[in-house]
């Protein structure tokens, strides 16, 4: 459920998505791949912080209960926003006024900055990892590795697909349904966490 919610959230466009799409449209997927790696590294840092922070919190402690409720409330808010969204536009504005294309290393730094400067990433991963507190550390690490791989794989796929306008148009037609499905799943997870927290008291 956690892994599925994470993947669905990847399908909802954010700042990283638009940066990758714009770069791929203007300069090709190879240039955009540097941004993809940077975004994955930024997400990996937040995942590592969430995983390490969780190890310092003992189950049944007040801090753990607070983390559970904060995580469930944030996921519920995020899900509600997606359910009531009017739809995100993925139209990309081209043209860089003749500016040279970014190098691969520069793209990596751009992607890393984009991921790290988005506070929603930190909140999202802290919320997800609060749901894994009862699992073994090795299993939590596997979840984290899967999430980093999913971010990198999806972003690379987006960069490669952007060259096909039909793919972009089809994705845009189904974007509203994707946002609604993501919102519903996040709300269900939030309710589940809140119920579990109440039952354990």
C-alpha atoms as a PDB file:
ATOM      1  CA  UNK A   1       0.000   0.000   0.000  1.00  0.00           C
ATOM      2  CA  UNK A   2       2.811   2.399   0.917  1.00  0.00           C
ATOM      3  CA  UNK A   3       4.801   1.569  -2.225  1.00  0.00           C
ATOM      4  CA  UNK A   4       1.691   1.931  -4.373  1.00  0.00           C
ATOM      5  CA  UNK A   5       0.797   5.290  -2.834  1.00  0.00           C
ATOM      6  CA  UNK A   6       4.330   6.505  -3.470  1.00  0.00           C
ATOM      7  CA  UNK A   7       4.173   5.492  -7.121  1.00  0.00           C
ATOM      8  CA  UNK A   8       0.761   7.098  -7.623  1.00  0.00           C
ATOM      9  CA  UNK A   9       2.111  10.304  -6.100  1.00  0.00           C
ATOM     10  CA  UNK A  10       4.906  10.241  -8.701  1.00  0.00           C
ATOM     11  CA  UNK A  11       2.270  10.412 -11.440  1.00  0.00           C
ATOM     12  CA  UNK A  12       0.943  13.739 -10.140  1.00  0.00           C
ATOM     13  CA  UNK A  13       3.086  16.466 -11.756  1.00  0.00           C
ATOM     14  CA  UNK A  14       5.081  18.765  -9.511  1.00  0.00           C
ATOM     15  CA  UNK A  15       8.020  21.169  -9.934  1.00  0.00           C
ATOM     16  CA  UNK A  16      10.460  18.328 -10.689  1.00  0.00           C
ATOM     17  CA  UNK A  17       8.150  16.963 -13.393  1.00  0.00           C
ATOM     18  CA  UNK A  18       7.889  20.280 -15.206  1.00  0.00           C
ATOM     19  CA  UNK A  19      11.636  20.867 -15.027  1.00  0.00           C
ATOM     20  CA  UNK A  20      12.298  17.457 -16.598  1.00  0.00           C
ATOM     21  CA  UNK A  21       9.627  17.869 -19.279  1.00  0.00           C
ATOM     22  CA  UNK A  22      10.770  21.337 -20.278  1.00  0.00           C
ATOM     23  CA  UNK A  23      14.420  20.303 -20.514  1.00  0.00           C
ATOM     24  CA  UNK A  24      13.588  17.153 -22.488  1.00  0.00           C
ATOM     25  CA  UNK A  25      11.406  19.091 -24.926  1.00  0.00           C
ATOM     26  CA  UNK A  26      14.022  21.764 -25.515  1.00  0.00           C
ATOM     27  CA  UNK A  27      17.261  19.774 -25.339  1.00  0.00           C
ATOM     28  CA  UNK A  28      16.446  16.059 -25.490  1.00  0.00           C
ATOM     29  CA  UNK A  29      16.189  13.267 -22.946  1.00  0.00           C
ATOM     30  CA  UNK A  30      19.971  12.841 -22.526  1.00  0.00           C
ATOM     31  CA  UNK A  31      20.291  16.375 -21.174  1.00  0.00           C
ATOM     32  CA  UNK A  32      17.220  15.832 -19.003  1.00  0.00           C
ATOM     33  CA  UNK A  33      18.662  12.595 -17.576  1.00  0.00           C
ATOM     34  CA  UNK A  34      21.061  14.635 -15.431  1.00  0.00           C
ATOM     35  CA  UNK A  35      18.070  16.374 -13.864  1.00  0.00           C
ATOM     36  CA  UNK A  36      16.433  12.967 -13.303  1.00  0.00           C
ATOM     37  CA  UNK A  37      19.476  11.709 -11.393  1.00  0.00           C
ATOM     38  CA  UNK A  38      19.605  14.905  -9.323  1.00  0.00           C
ATOM     39  CA  UNK A  39      15.924  14.625  -8.420  1.00  0.00           C
ATOM     40  CA  UNK A  40      16.408  10.982  -7.398  1.00  0.00           C
ATOM     41  CA  UNK A  41      19.389  11.915  -5.211  1.00  0.00           C
ATOM     42  CA  UNK A  42      17.377  14.666  -3.523  1.00  0.00           C
ATOM     43  CA  UNK A  43      14.523  12.270  -2.828  1.00  0.00           C
ATOM     44  CA  UNK A  44      17.039   9.707  -1.593  1.00  0.00           C
ATOM     45  CA  UNK A  45      18.379  12.210   0.940  1.00  0.00           C
ATOM     46  CA  UNK A  46      14.893  12.908   2.306  1.00  0.00           C
ATOM     47  CA  UNK A  47      14.188   9.162   2.425  1.00  0.00           C
ATOM     48  CA  UNK A  48      17.423   8.545   4.338  1.00  0.00           C
ATOM     49  CA  UNK A  49      16.588  11.305   6.817  1.00  0.00           C
ATOM     50  CA  UNK A  50      13.085   9.901   7.324  1.00  0.00           C
ATOM     51  CA  UNK A  51      14.474   6.379   7.788  1.00  0.00           C
ATOM     52  CA  UNK A  52      17.169   7.528  10.240  1.00  0.00           C
ATOM     53  CA  UNK A  53      14.781   9.760  12.143  1.00  0.00           C
ATOM     54  CA  UNK A  54      12.300   6.942  12.509  1.00  0.00           C
ATOM     55  CA  UNK A  55      14.941   4.732  14.153  1.00  0.00           C
ATOM     56  CA  UNK A  56      15.314   7.288  16.935  1.00  0.00           C
ATOM     57  CA  UNK A  57      11.611   7.127  17.814  1.00  0.00           C
ATOM     58  CA  UNK A  58      10.360   4.198  19.855  1.00  0.00           C
ATOM     59  CA  UNK A  59       6.879   2.738  19.199  1.00  0.00           C
ATOM     60  CA  UNK A  60       4.212   3.668  21.764  1.00  0.00           C
ATOM     61  CA  UNK A  61       6.159   6.799  22.755  1.00  0.00           C
ATOM     62  CA  UNK A  62       4.468  10.225  22.683  1.00  0.00           C
ATOM     63  CA  UNK A  63       6.814  11.291  19.862  1.00  0.00           C
ATOM     64  CA  UNK A  64       5.797   8.267  17.813  1.00  0.00           C
ATOM     65  CA  UNK A  65       2.093   8.979  18.361  1.00  0.00           C
ATOM     66  CA  UNK A  66       2.622  12.607  17.368  1.00  0.00           C
ATOM     67  CA  UNK A  67       4.477  11.520  14.240  1.00  0.00           C
ATOM     68  CA  UNK A  68       1.687   9.122  13.308  1.00  0.00           C
ATOM     69  CA  UNK A  69      -1.010  11.769  13.667  1.00  0.00           C
ATOM     70  CA  UNK A  70       1.030  14.445  11.894  1.00  0.00           C
ATOM     71  CA  UNK A  71       1.707  12.025   9.045  1.00  0.00           C
ATOM     72  CA  UNK A  72      -1.916  10.967   8.724  1.00  0.00           C
ATOM     73  CA  UNK A  73      -3.143  14.577   8.786  1.00  0.00           C
ATOM     74  CA  UNK A  74      -0.668  15.613   6.092  1.00  0.00           C
ATOM     75  CA  UNK A  75      -1.573  12.671   3.867  1.00  0.00           C
ATOM     76  CA  UNK A  76      -5.264  13.420   4.398  1.00  0.00           C
ATOM     77  CA  UNK A  77      -4.731  17.086   3.445  1.00  0.00           C
ATOM     78  CA  UNK A  78      -2.708  16.094   0.383  1.00  0.00           C
ATOM     79  CA  UNK A  79      -5.352  13.568  -0.658  1.00  0.00           C
ATOM     80  CA  UNK A  80      -8.144  16.118  -0.204  1.00  0.00           C
ATOM     81  CA  UNK A  81      -6.270  18.647  -2.328  1.00  0.00           C
ATOM     82  CA  UNK A  82      -5.837  16.119  -5.139  1.00  0.00           C
ATOM     83  CA  UNK A  83      -9.475  15.014  -5.013  1.00  0.00           C
ATOM     84  CA  UNK A  84     -10.663  18.614  -5.339  1.00  0.00           C
ATOM     85  CA  UNK A  85      -8.012  19.773  -7.776  1.00  0.00           C
ATOM     86  CA  UNK A  86      -9.296  21.450 -10.917  1.00  0.00           C
ATOM     87  CA  UNK A  87      -6.623  19.608 -12.880  1.00  0.00           C
ATOM     88  CA  UNK A  88      -2.962  20.340 -13.464  1.00  0.00           C
ATOM     89  CA  UNK A  89      -1.883  21.610 -16.847  1.00  0.00           C
ATOM     90  CA  UNK A  90       1.215  20.007 -18.322  1.00  0.00           C
ATOM     91  CA  UNK A  91       1.569  22.456 -21.188  1.00  0.00           C
ATOM     92  CA  UNK A  92       5.227  23.431 -21.408  1.00  0.00           C
ATOM     93  CA  UNK A  93       6.396  26.858 -22.459  1.00  0.00           C
ATOM     94  CA  UNK A  94       9.345  26.534 -24.785  1.00  0.00           C
ATOM     95  CA  UNK A  95      12.040  28.920 -25.773  1.00  0.00           C
ATOM     96  CA  UNK A  96      15.156  29.900 -23.869  1.00  0.00           C
ATOM     97  CA  UNK A  97      16.035  32.953 -25.997  1.00  0.00           C
ATOM     98  CA  UNK A  98      19.034  31.197 -27.533  1.00  0.00           C
ATOM     99  CA  UNK A  99      20.602  30.249 -24.186  1.00  0.00           C
ATOM    100  CA  UNK A 100      22.972  27.256 -24.385  1.00  0.00           C
ATOM    101  CA  UNK A 101      21.596  23.925 -23.160  1.00  0.00           C
ATOM    102  CA  UNK A 102      22.622  22.887 -19.639  1.00  0.00           C
ATOM    103  CA  UNK A 103      25.413  20.328 -19.335  1.00  0.00           C
ATOM    104  CA  UNK A 104      24.742  16.980 -17.672  1.00  0.00           C
ATOM    105  CA  UNK A 105      26.430  18.005 -14.432  1.00  0.00           C
ATOM    106  CA  UNK A 106      24.559  21.310 -14.388  1.00  0.00           C
ATOM    107  CA  UNK A 107      21.319  19.418 -14.934  1.00  0.00           C
ATOM    108  CA  UNK A 108      22.145  17.139 -12.009  1.00  0.00           C
ATOM    109  CA  UNK A 109      22.632  20.165  -9.758  1.00  0.00           C
ATOM    110  CA  UNK A 110      19.382  21.693 -11.017  1.00  0.00           C
ATOM    111  CA  UNK A 111      17.460  18.492 -10.274  1.00  0.00           C
ATOM    112  CA  UNK A 112      19.040  18.137  -6.831  1.00  0.00           C
ATOM    113  CA  UNK A 113      18.165  21.728  -5.931  1.00  0.00           C
ATOM    114  CA  UNK A 114      14.609  21.317  -7.217  1.00  0.00           C
ATOM    115  CA  UNK A 115      14.045  18.244  -5.042  1.00  0.00           C
ATOM    116  CA  UNK A 116      15.729  19.611  -1.906  1.00  0.00           C
ATOM    117  CA  UNK A 117      14.006  22.998  -2.039  1.00  0.00           C
ATOM    118  CA  UNK A 118      10.537  21.418  -2.136  1.00  0.00           C
ATOM    119  CA  UNK A 119       9.432  21.031   1.524  1.00  0.00           C
ATOM    120  CA  UNK A 120       6.574  18.759   0.453  1.00  0.00           C
ATOM    121  CA  UNK A 121       9.111  16.030  -0.312  1.00  0.00           C
ATOM    122  CA  UNK A 122      10.355  15.985   3.275  1.00  0.00           C
ATOM    123  CA  UNK A 123       6.818  15.945   4.684  1.00  0.00           C
ATOM    124  CA  UNK A 124       5.670  13.265   2.264  1.00  0.00           C
ATOM    125  CA  UNK A 125       8.481  10.829   3.058  1.00  0.00           C
ATOM    126  CA  UNK A 126       8.271  11.464   6.800  1.00  0.00           C
ATOM    127  CA  UNK A 127       4.560  10.657   6.568  1.00  0.00           C
ATOM    128  CA  UNK A 128       5.106   7.478   4.562  1.00  0.00           C
ATOM    129  CA  UNK A 129       7.860   6.179   6.827  1.00  0.00           C
ATOM    130  CA  UNK A 130       5.713   6.790   9.901  1.00  0.00           C
ATOM    131  CA  UNK A 131       3.536   3.975   8.532  1.00  0.00           C
ATOM    132  CA  UNK A 132       6.493   1.568   8.505  1.00  0.00           C
ATOM    133  CA  UNK A 133       7.487   1.916  12.144  1.00  0.00           C
ATOM    134  CA  UNK A 134       6.338  -1.618  12.970  1.00  0.00           C
ATOM    135  CA  UNK A 135       8.409  -3.250  10.229  1.00  0.00           C
ATOM    136  CA  UNK A 136      12.001  -4.479  10.380  1.00  0.00           C
ATOM    137  CA  UNK A 137      14.783  -2.022   9.604  1.00  0.00           C
ATOM    138  CA  UNK A 138      15.923  -4.118   6.651  1.00  0.00           C
ATOM    139  CA  UNK A 139      12.409  -4.018   5.203  1.00  0.00           C
ATOM    140  CA  UNK A 140      12.252  -0.248   5.686  1.00  0.00           C
ATOM    141  CA  UNK A 141      15.579   0.054   3.842  1.00  0.00           C
ATOM    142  CA  UNK A 142      14.154  -1.991   0.953  1.00  0.00           C
ATOM    143  CA  UNK A 143      11.165   0.363   0.786  1.00  0.00           C
ATOM    144  CA  UNK A 144      13.552   3.326   0.663  1.00  0.00           C
ATOM    145  CA  UNK A 145      15.652   1.755  -2.109  1.00  0.00           C
ATOM    146  CA  UNK A 146      12.506   0.957  -4.090  1.00  0.00           C
ATOM    147  CA  UNK A 147      11.285   4.551  -3.753  1.00  0.00           C
ATOM    148  CA  UNK A 148      14.579   6.000  -5.025  1.00  0.00           C
ATOM    149  CA  UNK A 149      14.561   3.542  -7.932  1.00  0.00           C
ATOM    150  CA  UNK A 150      10.933   4.356  -8.708  1.00  0.00           C
ATOM    151  CA  UNK A 151      11.648   8.098  -8.762  1.00  0.00           C
ATOM    152  CA  UNK A 152      14.647   7.666 -11.068  1.00  0.00           C
ATOM    153  CA  UNK A 153      12.908   5.159 -13.353  1.00  0.00           C
ATOM    154  CA  UNK A 154       9.732   7.221 -13.695  1.00  0.00           C
ATOM    155  CA  UNK A 155      11.581  10.470 -14.341  1.00  0.00           C
ATOM    156  CA  UNK A 156      13.776   8.845 -17.002  1.00  0.00           C
ATOM    157  CA  UNK A 157      10.659   7.369 -18.605  1.00  0.00           C
ATOM    158  CA  UNK A 158       9.012  10.806 -18.625  1.00  0.00           C
ATOM    159  CA  UNK A 159      12.109  12.362 -20.199  1.00  0.00           C
ATOM    160  CA  UNK A 160      12.217   9.684 -22.912  1.00  0.00           C
ATOM    161  CA  UNK A 161       8.462   9.833 -23.596  1.00  0.00           C
ATOM    162  CA  UNK A 162       8.310  13.611 -23.903  1.00  0.00           C
ATOM    163  CA  UNK A 163       9.755  13.336 -27.401  1.00  0.00           C
ATOM    164  CA  UNK A 164       6.497  11.663 -28.443  1.00  0.00           C
ATOM    165  CA  UNK A 165       3.772  14.304 -28.422  1.00  0.00           C
ATOM    166  CA  UNK A 166       1.021  11.677 -28.545  1.00  0.00           C
ATOM    167  CA  UNK A 167       2.272  10.197 -25.281  1.00  0.00           C
ATOM    168  CA  UNK A 168       2.204  13.612 -23.607  1.00  0.00           C
ATOM    169  CA  UNK A 169      -1.294  14.374 -24.922  1.00  0.00           C
ATOM    170  CA  UNK A 170      -2.640  11.008 -23.756  1.00  0.00           C
ATOM    171  CA  UNK A 171      -1.124  11.481 -20.316  1.00  0.00           C
ATOM    172  CA  UNK A 172      -2.686  14.943 -20.112  1.00  0.00           C
ATOM    173  CA  UNK A 173      -6.151  13.534 -20.925  1.00  0.00           C
ATOM    174  CA  UNK A 174      -5.955  11.068 -18.018  1.00  0.00           C
ATOM    175  CA  UNK A 175      -4.234  13.367 -15.540  1.00  0.00           C
ATOM    176  CA  UNK A 176      -7.433  14.305 -13.694  1.00  0.00           C
ATOM    177  CA  UNK A 177      -8.256  10.621 -13.097  1.00  0.00           C
ATOM    178  CA  UNK A 178      -4.712   9.989 -11.862  1.00  0.00           C
ATOM    179  CA  UNK A 179      -4.958  12.871  -9.397  1.00  0.00           C
ATOM    180  CA  UNK A 180      -8.295  11.601  -8.072  1.00  0.00           C
ATOM    181  CA  UNK A 181      -7.001   8.047  -7.656  1.00  0.00           C
ATOM    182  CA  UNK A 182      -3.927   9.316  -5.840  1.00  0.00           C
ATOM    183  CA  UNK A 183      -6.044  11.479  -3.547  1.00  0.00           C
ATOM    184  CA  UNK A 184      -8.363   8.583  -2.691  1.00  0.00           C
ATOM    185  CA  UNK A 185      -5.459   6.253  -1.867  1.00  0.00           C
ATOM    186  CA  UNK A 186      -3.750   8.851   0.339  1.00  0.00           C
ATOM    187  CA  UNK A 187      -7.002   9.494   2.210  1.00  0.00           C
ATOM    188  CA  UNK A 188      -7.460   5.760   2.802  1.00  0.00           C
ATOM    189  CA  UNK A 189      -3.938   5.456   4.163  1.00  0.00           C
ATOM    190  CA  UNK A 190      -4.479   8.467   6.443  1.00  0.00           C
ATOM    191  CA  UNK A 191      -7.676   6.925   7.836  1.00  0.00           C
ATOM    192  CA  UNK A 192      -5.884   3.612   8.345  1.00  0.00           C
ATOM    193  CA  UNK A 193      -3.040   5.234  10.270  1.00  0.00           C
ATOM    194  CA  UNK A 194      -5.434   7.208  12.468  1.00  0.00           C
ATOM    195  CA  UNK A 195      -7.489   4.071  13.182  1.00  0.00           C
ATOM    196  CA  UNK A 196      -4.370   2.087  14.069  1.00  0.00           C
ATOM    197  CA  UNK A 197      -3.169   4.842  16.368  1.00  0.00           C
ATOM    198  CA  UNK A 198      -6.514   4.934  18.199  1.00  0.00           C
ATOM    199  CA  UNK A 199      -6.652   1.150  18.490  1.00  0.00           C
ATOM    200  CA  UNK A 200      -3.173   0.958  20.034  1.00  0.00           C
ATOM    201  CA  UNK A 201      -4.013   3.381  22.844  1.00  0.00           C
END
